């Protein structure tokens, strides 16, 4: 992901991180490698370890942005951060890796906006 400095505005920071991922997934070779890694990791413990490492790295920056949002009061303290990451990454990864659709920045913005409008995500 981008690993850029956050600007301190949760929506903008989430869009920037997911848009960086969108651009990376737009590289056909990378998308292909990830698809194969996901499939083969079901049967190969070493590839499963690699996949966990990749997922951990992809989610690391989002996890930090979400914790920053909690600390700033933009997200509720009881937010399930792991579920929030799945809600943010799921639509992006599904559209690119499962359905093979291309992604655009407006799709990323729509994913972030839909996430931020969920009842359990609204600030306290």
N, C-alpha and C. Protein backbone atom coordinates (compact mmCIF):
# COMPACT_ATOMS: atom_id res chain seq x y z
N UNK A 1 0.85 -1.16 0.00
CA UNK A 1 0.00 0.00 0.00
C UNK A 1 0.90 1.23 0.00
N UNK A 2 0.30 2.40 0.14
CA UNK A 2 1.07 3.61 -0.12
C UNK A 2 2.11 3.93 0.94
N UNK A 3 1.84 3.61 2.19
CA UNK A 3 2.75 3.95 3.29
C UNK A 3 3.07 5.43 3.32
N UNK A 4 2.13 6.25 2.89
CA UNK A 4 2.33 7.69 2.92
C UNK A 4 1.93 8.22 4.29
N UNK A 5 2.34 9.40 4.57
CA UNK A 5 1.97 10.02 5.84
C UNK A 5 0.48 10.33 5.82
N UNK A 6 -0.24 9.97 6.87
CA UNK A 6 -1.66 10.30 6.92
C UNK A 6 -1.85 11.80 7.05
N UNK A 7 -2.97 12.29 6.53
CA UNK A 7 -3.26 13.72 6.65
C UNK A 7 -4.12 14.00 7.86
N UNK A 8 -4.58 12.95 8.53
CA UNK A 8 -5.35 13.13 9.74
C UNK A 8 -6.84 13.25 9.52
N UNK A 9 -7.28 13.06 8.29
CA UNK A 9 -8.71 13.03 7.98
C UNK A 9 -9.01 11.60 7.56
N UNK A 10 -9.77 10.90 8.39
CA UNK A 10 -9.97 9.47 8.24
C UNK A 10 -10.40 9.08 6.83
N UNK A 11 -11.44 9.70 6.31
CA UNK A 11 -11.95 9.33 4.98
C UNK A 11 -10.85 9.47 3.93
N UNK A 12 -10.17 10.59 3.94
CA UNK A 12 -9.12 10.84 2.95
C UNK A 12 -7.98 9.83 3.09
N UNK A 13 -7.61 9.52 4.33
CA UNK A 13 -6.52 8.56 4.55
C UNK A 13 -6.92 7.15 4.09
N UNK A 14 -8.16 6.74 4.38
CA UNK A 14 -8.61 5.41 3.94
C UNK A 14 -8.68 5.34 2.42
N UNK A 15 -9.20 6.38 1.80
CA UNK A 15 -9.28 6.39 0.33
C UNK A 15 -7.88 6.31 -0.26
N UNK A 16 -6.93 7.05 0.29
CA UNK A 16 -5.57 7.05 -0.25
C UNK A 16 -4.94 5.66 -0.15
N UNK A 17 -5.12 5.00 0.99
CA UNK A 17 -4.53 3.67 1.16
C UNK A 17 -5.17 2.64 0.24
N UNK A 18 -6.49 2.66 0.16
CA UNK A 18 -7.17 1.69 -0.72
C UNK A 18 -6.92 2.00 -2.19
N UNK A 19 -6.75 3.28 -2.52
CA UNK A 19 -6.47 3.62 -3.91
C UNK A 19 -5.07 3.16 -4.30
N UNK A 20 -4.13 3.20 -3.36
CA UNK A 20 -2.79 2.67 -3.64
C UNK A 20 -2.87 1.18 -3.91
N UNK A 21 -3.66 0.47 -3.11
CA UNK A 21 -3.85 -0.97 -3.33
C UNK A 21 -4.51 -1.20 -4.69
N UNK A 22 -5.52 -0.40 -5.02
CA UNK A 22 -6.20 -0.53 -6.32
C UNK A 22 -5.20 -0.40 -7.48
N UNK A 23 -4.32 0.57 -7.37
CA UNK A 23 -3.32 0.75 -8.44
C UNK A 23 -2.39 -0.45 -8.53
N UNK A 24 -1.99 -0.99 -7.39
CA UNK A 24 -1.11 -2.17 -7.40
C UNK A 24 -1.83 -3.38 -7.98
N UNK A 25 -3.10 -3.55 -7.63
CA UNK A 25 -3.87 -4.68 -8.16
C UNK A 25 -4.16 -4.51 -9.65
N UNK A 26 -4.01 -3.30 -10.15
CA UNK A 26 -4.20 -3.05 -11.57
C UNK A 26 -3.07 -3.60 -12.42
N UNK A 27 -1.97 -3.96 -11.79
CA UNK A 27 -0.87 -4.57 -12.52
C UNK A 27 -1.22 -6.03 -12.76
N UNK A 28 -1.42 -6.43 -14.02
CA UNK A 28 -1.88 -7.79 -14.30
C UNK A 28 -1.01 -8.88 -13.68
N UNK A 29 0.29 -8.70 -13.69
CA UNK A 29 1.17 -9.73 -13.14
C UNK A 29 0.94 -9.89 -11.64
N UNK A 30 0.80 -8.79 -10.92
CA UNK A 30 0.59 -8.86 -9.48
C UNK A 30 -0.76 -9.50 -9.16
N UNK A 31 -1.79 -9.09 -9.86
CA UNK A 31 -3.12 -9.68 -9.62
C UNK A 31 -3.08 -11.18 -9.88
N UNK A 32 -2.39 -11.60 -10.93
CA UNK A 32 -2.28 -13.02 -11.24
C UNK A 32 -1.53 -13.79 -10.17
N UNK A 33 -0.44 -13.22 -9.70
CA UNK A 33 0.34 -13.87 -8.65
C UNK A 33 -0.49 -14.01 -7.38
N UNK A 34 -1.22 -12.97 -7.02
CA UNK A 34 -2.04 -13.03 -5.81
C UNK A 34 -3.15 -14.07 -5.94
N UNK A 35 -3.76 -14.14 -7.09
CA UNK A 35 -4.82 -15.13 -7.31
C UNK A 35 -4.27 -16.55 -7.15
N UNK A 36 -3.12 -16.80 -7.74
CA UNK A 36 -2.50 -18.12 -7.64
C UNK A 36 -2.07 -18.39 -6.19
N UNK A 37 -1.51 -17.40 -5.54
CA UNK A 37 -1.10 -17.55 -4.15
C UNK A 37 -2.28 -17.92 -3.26
N UNK A 38 -3.39 -17.24 -3.44
CA UNK A 38 -4.59 -17.53 -2.65
C UNK A 38 -5.05 -18.96 -2.89
N UNK A 39 -5.11 -19.37 -4.14
CA UNK A 39 -5.59 -20.71 -4.47
C UNK A 39 -4.64 -21.78 -3.96
N UNK A 40 -3.37 -21.62 -4.22
CA UNK A 40 -2.40 -22.66 -3.85
C UNK A 40 -2.11 -22.71 -2.36
N UNK A 41 -2.36 -21.62 -1.67
CA UNK A 41 -2.10 -21.60 -0.22
C UNK A 41 -3.05 -22.53 0.53
N UNK A 42 -4.13 -22.93 -0.12
CA UNK A 42 -5.06 -23.88 0.51
C UNK A 42 -4.44 -25.26 0.66
N UNK A 43 -3.42 -25.54 -0.15
CA UNK A 43 -2.84 -26.89 -0.18
C UNK A 43 -1.36 -26.94 0.17
N UNK A 44 -0.76 -25.78 0.34
CA UNK A 44 0.68 -25.72 0.57
C UNK A 44 0.96 -24.86 1.80
N UNK A 45 1.42 -25.47 2.88
CA UNK A 45 1.66 -24.71 4.12
C UNK A 45 2.64 -23.55 3.95
N UNK A 46 3.66 -23.73 3.12
CA UNK A 46 4.63 -22.64 2.91
C UNK A 46 3.96 -21.47 2.19
N UNK A 47 3.15 -21.76 1.19
CA UNK A 47 2.44 -20.68 0.50
C UNK A 47 1.38 -20.05 1.41
N UNK A 48 0.81 -20.83 2.30
CA UNK A 48 -0.14 -20.28 3.28
C UNK A 48 0.58 -19.27 4.18
N UNK A 49 1.81 -19.58 4.55
CA UNK A 49 2.61 -18.66 5.37
C UNK A 49 2.91 -17.37 4.59
N UNK A 50 3.25 -17.51 3.31
CA UNK A 50 3.52 -16.34 2.48
C UNK A 50 2.25 -15.50 2.35
N UNK A 51 1.12 -16.16 2.12
CA UNK A 51 -0.14 -15.43 1.99
C UNK A 51 -0.46 -14.67 3.27
N UNK A 52 -0.28 -15.30 4.42
CA UNK A 52 -0.54 -14.61 5.69
C UNK A 52 0.36 -13.38 5.82
N UNK A 53 1.60 -13.50 5.38
CA UNK A 53 2.52 -12.37 5.44
C UNK A 53 2.06 -11.23 4.53
N UNK A 54 1.63 -11.57 3.34
CA UNK A 54 1.14 -10.55 2.39
C UNK A 54 -0.10 -9.88 2.96
N UNK A 55 -1.04 -10.66 3.46
CA UNK A 55 -2.27 -10.10 4.03
C UNK A 55 -1.93 -9.21 5.23
N UNK A 56 -1.00 -9.64 6.05
CA UNK A 56 -0.60 -8.85 7.20
C UNK A 56 -0.04 -7.51 6.78
N UNK A 57 0.80 -7.52 5.75
CA UNK A 57 1.39 -6.26 5.28
C UNK A 57 0.34 -5.35 4.67
N UNK A 58 -0.56 -5.91 3.89
CA UNK A 58 -1.61 -5.10 3.26
C UNK A 58 -2.51 -4.48 4.33
N UNK A 59 -2.81 -5.22 5.36
CA UNK A 59 -3.73 -4.72 6.38
C UNK A 59 -3.05 -3.86 7.44
N UNK A 60 -1.74 -3.91 7.54
CA UNK A 60 -1.01 -3.19 8.59
C UNK A 60 -1.29 -1.69 8.56
N UNK A 61 -1.19 -1.08 7.40
CA UNK A 61 -1.39 0.37 7.30
C UNK A 61 -2.85 0.72 7.56
N UNK A 62 -3.77 -0.06 7.01
CA UNK A 62 -5.19 0.19 7.28
C UNK A 62 -5.49 0.09 8.77
N UNK A 63 -4.91 -0.92 9.41
CA UNK A 63 -5.10 -1.11 10.85
C UNK A 63 -4.65 0.15 11.60
N UNK A 64 -3.51 0.70 11.22
CA UNK A 64 -3.01 1.91 11.87
C UNK A 64 -3.95 3.09 11.62
N UNK A 65 -4.43 3.24 10.39
CA UNK A 65 -5.34 4.35 10.08
C UNK A 65 -6.63 4.23 10.90
N UNK A 66 -7.13 3.00 11.06
CA UNK A 66 -8.35 2.80 11.85
C UNK A 66 -8.09 3.10 13.33
N UNK A 67 -6.96 2.67 13.85
CA UNK A 67 -6.62 3.00 15.25
C UNK A 67 -6.45 4.50 15.43
N UNK A 68 -5.87 5.16 14.43
CA UNK A 68 -5.75 6.63 14.48
C UNK A 68 -7.15 7.26 14.53
N UNK A 69 -8.07 6.72 13.71
CA UNK A 69 -9.44 7.23 13.70
C UNK A 69 -10.14 7.03 15.03
N UNK A 70 -9.90 5.89 15.67
CA UNK A 70 -10.46 5.65 17.00
C UNK A 70 -9.89 6.66 17.99
N UNK A 71 -8.58 6.85 17.94
CA UNK A 71 -7.92 7.79 18.86
C UNK A 71 -8.39 9.22 18.67
N UNK A 72 -8.74 9.57 17.44
CA UNK A 72 -9.20 10.93 17.16
C UNK A 72 -10.69 11.11 17.40
N UNK A 73 -11.37 10.03 17.76
CA UNK A 73 -12.81 10.12 18.00
C UNK A 73 -13.65 10.04 16.75
N UNK A 74 -13.04 9.74 15.60
CA UNK A 74 -13.78 9.62 14.34
C UNK A 74 -14.44 8.26 14.20
N UNK A 75 -14.00 7.31 15.00
CA UNK A 75 -14.56 5.96 15.01
C UNK A 75 -14.82 5.56 16.46
N UNK A 76 -15.79 4.68 16.69
CA UNK A 76 -16.08 4.29 18.07
C UNK A 76 -14.97 3.45 18.68
N UNK A 77 -14.74 3.59 19.96
CA UNK A 77 -13.68 2.84 20.63
C UNK A 77 -13.86 1.32 20.54
N UNK A 78 -15.10 0.86 20.46
CA UNK A 78 -15.37 -0.58 20.42
C UNK A 78 -15.35 -1.15 19.00
N UNK A 79 -14.88 -0.37 18.04
CA UNK A 79 -14.85 -0.86 16.65
C UNK A 79 -14.06 -2.16 16.55
N UNK A 80 -14.62 -3.13 15.88
CA UNK A 80 -13.91 -4.38 15.59
C UNK A 80 -13.00 -4.10 14.39
N UNK A 81 -11.74 -3.83 14.66
CA UNK A 81 -10.80 -3.40 13.62
C UNK A 81 -10.58 -4.49 12.58
N UNK A 82 -10.52 -5.74 12.99
CA UNK A 82 -10.34 -6.82 12.01
C UNK A 82 -11.52 -6.89 11.05
N UNK A 83 -12.73 -6.75 11.58
CA UNK A 83 -13.91 -6.75 10.72
C UNK A 83 -13.93 -5.52 9.82
N UNK A 84 -13.50 -4.39 10.36
CA UNK A 84 -13.45 -3.17 9.56
C UNK A 84 -12.48 -3.33 8.38
N UNK A 85 -11.34 -3.96 8.63
CA UNK A 85 -10.38 -4.20 7.54
C UNK A 85 -11.00 -5.10 6.48
N UNK A 86 -11.70 -6.13 6.91
CA UNK A 86 -12.37 -7.02 5.95
C UNK A 86 -13.42 -6.28 5.15
N UNK A 87 -14.15 -5.38 5.81
CA UNK A 87 -15.17 -4.60 5.11
C UNK A 87 -14.56 -3.66 4.08
N UNK A 88 -13.39 -3.17 4.34
CA UNK A 88 -12.73 -2.26 3.41
C UNK A 88 -12.01 -3.00 2.28
N UNK A 89 -11.29 -4.05 2.63
CA UNK A 89 -10.52 -4.78 1.62
C UNK A 89 -11.38 -5.74 0.80
N UNK A 90 -12.40 -6.30 1.43
CA UNK A 90 -13.21 -7.32 0.77
C UNK A 90 -13.74 -6.91 -0.59
N UNK A 91 -14.43 -5.78 -0.69
CA UNK A 91 -14.97 -5.40 -2.00
C UNK A 91 -13.90 -5.15 -3.06
N UNK A 92 -12.78 -4.60 -2.63
CA UNK A 92 -11.68 -4.31 -3.57
C UNK A 92 -11.09 -5.62 -4.09
N UNK A 93 -10.75 -6.52 -3.16
CA UNK A 93 -10.15 -7.79 -3.56
C UNK A 93 -11.13 -8.65 -4.35
N UNK A 94 -12.39 -8.66 -3.95
CA UNK A 94 -13.39 -9.45 -4.67
C UNK A 94 -13.51 -8.96 -6.11
N UNK A 95 -13.68 -7.66 -6.28
CA UNK A 95 -13.88 -7.13 -7.64
C UNK A 95 -12.68 -7.40 -8.53
N UNK A 96 -11.49 -7.32 -7.97
CA UNK A 96 -10.30 -7.50 -8.81
C UNK A 96 -9.91 -8.96 -8.97
N UNK A 97 -9.89 -9.73 -7.89
CA UNK A 97 -9.36 -11.09 -7.95
C UNK A 97 -10.42 -12.14 -8.25
N UNK A 98 -11.62 -11.98 -7.71
CA UNK A 98 -12.65 -13.01 -7.91
C UNK A 98 -13.45 -12.76 -9.18
N UNK A 99 -13.90 -11.53 -9.37
CA UNK A 99 -14.74 -11.27 -10.54
C UNK A 99 -13.94 -10.75 -11.73
N UNK A 100 -12.69 -10.36 -11.50
CA UNK A 100 -11.83 -9.91 -12.60
C UNK A 100 -12.16 -8.52 -13.11
N UNK A 101 -12.99 -7.79 -12.38
CA UNK A 101 -13.35 -6.45 -12.80
C UNK A 101 -12.18 -5.50 -12.58
N UNK A 102 -12.12 -4.49 -13.41
CA UNK A 102 -11.12 -3.45 -13.16
C UNK A 102 -11.69 -2.53 -12.09
N UNK A 103 -10.82 -1.81 -11.46
CA UNK A 103 -11.22 -0.91 -10.38
C UNK A 103 -10.88 0.51 -10.75
N UNK A 104 -11.69 1.42 -10.26
CA UNK A 104 -11.42 2.84 -10.47
C UNK A 104 -11.43 3.54 -9.11
N UNK A 105 -10.90 4.73 -9.09
CA UNK A 105 -10.90 5.50 -7.84
C UNK A 105 -12.32 5.72 -7.33
N UNK A 106 -13.32 6.02 -8.19
CA UNK A 106 -14.68 6.17 -7.67
C UNK A 106 -15.21 4.92 -6.96
N UNK A 107 -14.78 3.75 -7.37
CA UNK A 107 -15.18 2.52 -6.68
C UNK A 107 -14.57 2.53 -5.28
N UNK A 108 -13.32 2.89 -5.18
CA UNK A 108 -12.64 2.96 -3.88
C UNK A 108 -13.35 3.96 -2.97
N UNK A 109 -13.68 5.12 -3.49
CA UNK A 109 -14.37 6.14 -2.71
C UNK A 109 -15.72 5.61 -2.23
N UNK A 110 -16.45 4.91 -3.11
CA UNK A 110 -17.74 4.35 -2.74
C UNK A 110 -17.60 3.30 -1.63
N UNK A 111 -16.56 2.49 -1.69
CA UNK A 111 -16.32 1.48 -0.64
C UNK A 111 -16.07 2.17 0.70
N UNK A 112 -15.22 3.18 0.70
CA UNK A 112 -14.92 3.90 1.95
C UNK A 112 -16.17 4.59 2.47
N UNK A 113 -16.90 5.27 1.60
CA UNK A 113 -18.10 5.97 2.05
C UNK A 113 -19.14 5.00 2.62
N UNK A 114 -19.33 3.87 1.97
CA UNK A 114 -20.28 2.88 2.47
C UNK A 114 -19.84 2.36 3.84
N UNK A 115 -18.56 2.14 4.00
CA UNK A 115 -18.01 1.69 5.29
C UNK A 115 -18.30 2.73 6.38
N UNK A 116 -18.01 3.98 6.09
CA UNK A 116 -18.15 5.03 7.11
C UNK A 116 -19.61 5.32 7.46
N UNK A 117 -20.55 4.92 6.60
CA UNK A 117 -21.97 5.14 6.87
C UNK A 117 -22.62 4.02 7.68
N UNK A 118 -21.91 2.94 7.90
CA UNK A 118 -22.49 1.81 8.66
C UNK A 118 -22.73 2.24 10.10
N UNK A 119 -23.83 1.78 10.66
CA UNK A 119 -24.23 2.19 12.00
C UNK A 119 -23.16 1.93 13.06
N UNK A 120 -22.50 0.79 12.96
CA UNK A 120 -21.51 0.46 14.00
C UNK A 120 -20.16 1.14 13.78
N UNK A 121 -20.05 1.93 12.74
CA UNK A 121 -18.80 2.64 12.45
C UNK A 121 -18.92 4.11 12.77
N UNK A 122 -20.15 4.62 12.81
CA UNK A 122 -20.35 6.04 13.09
C UNK A 122 -19.72 6.38 14.44
N UNK A 123 -19.12 7.56 14.53
CA UNK A 123 -18.48 7.93 15.79
C UNK A 123 -19.48 7.99 16.93
N UNK A 124 -18.98 7.81 18.13
CA UNK A 124 -19.87 7.82 19.31
C UNK A 124 -20.56 9.16 19.50
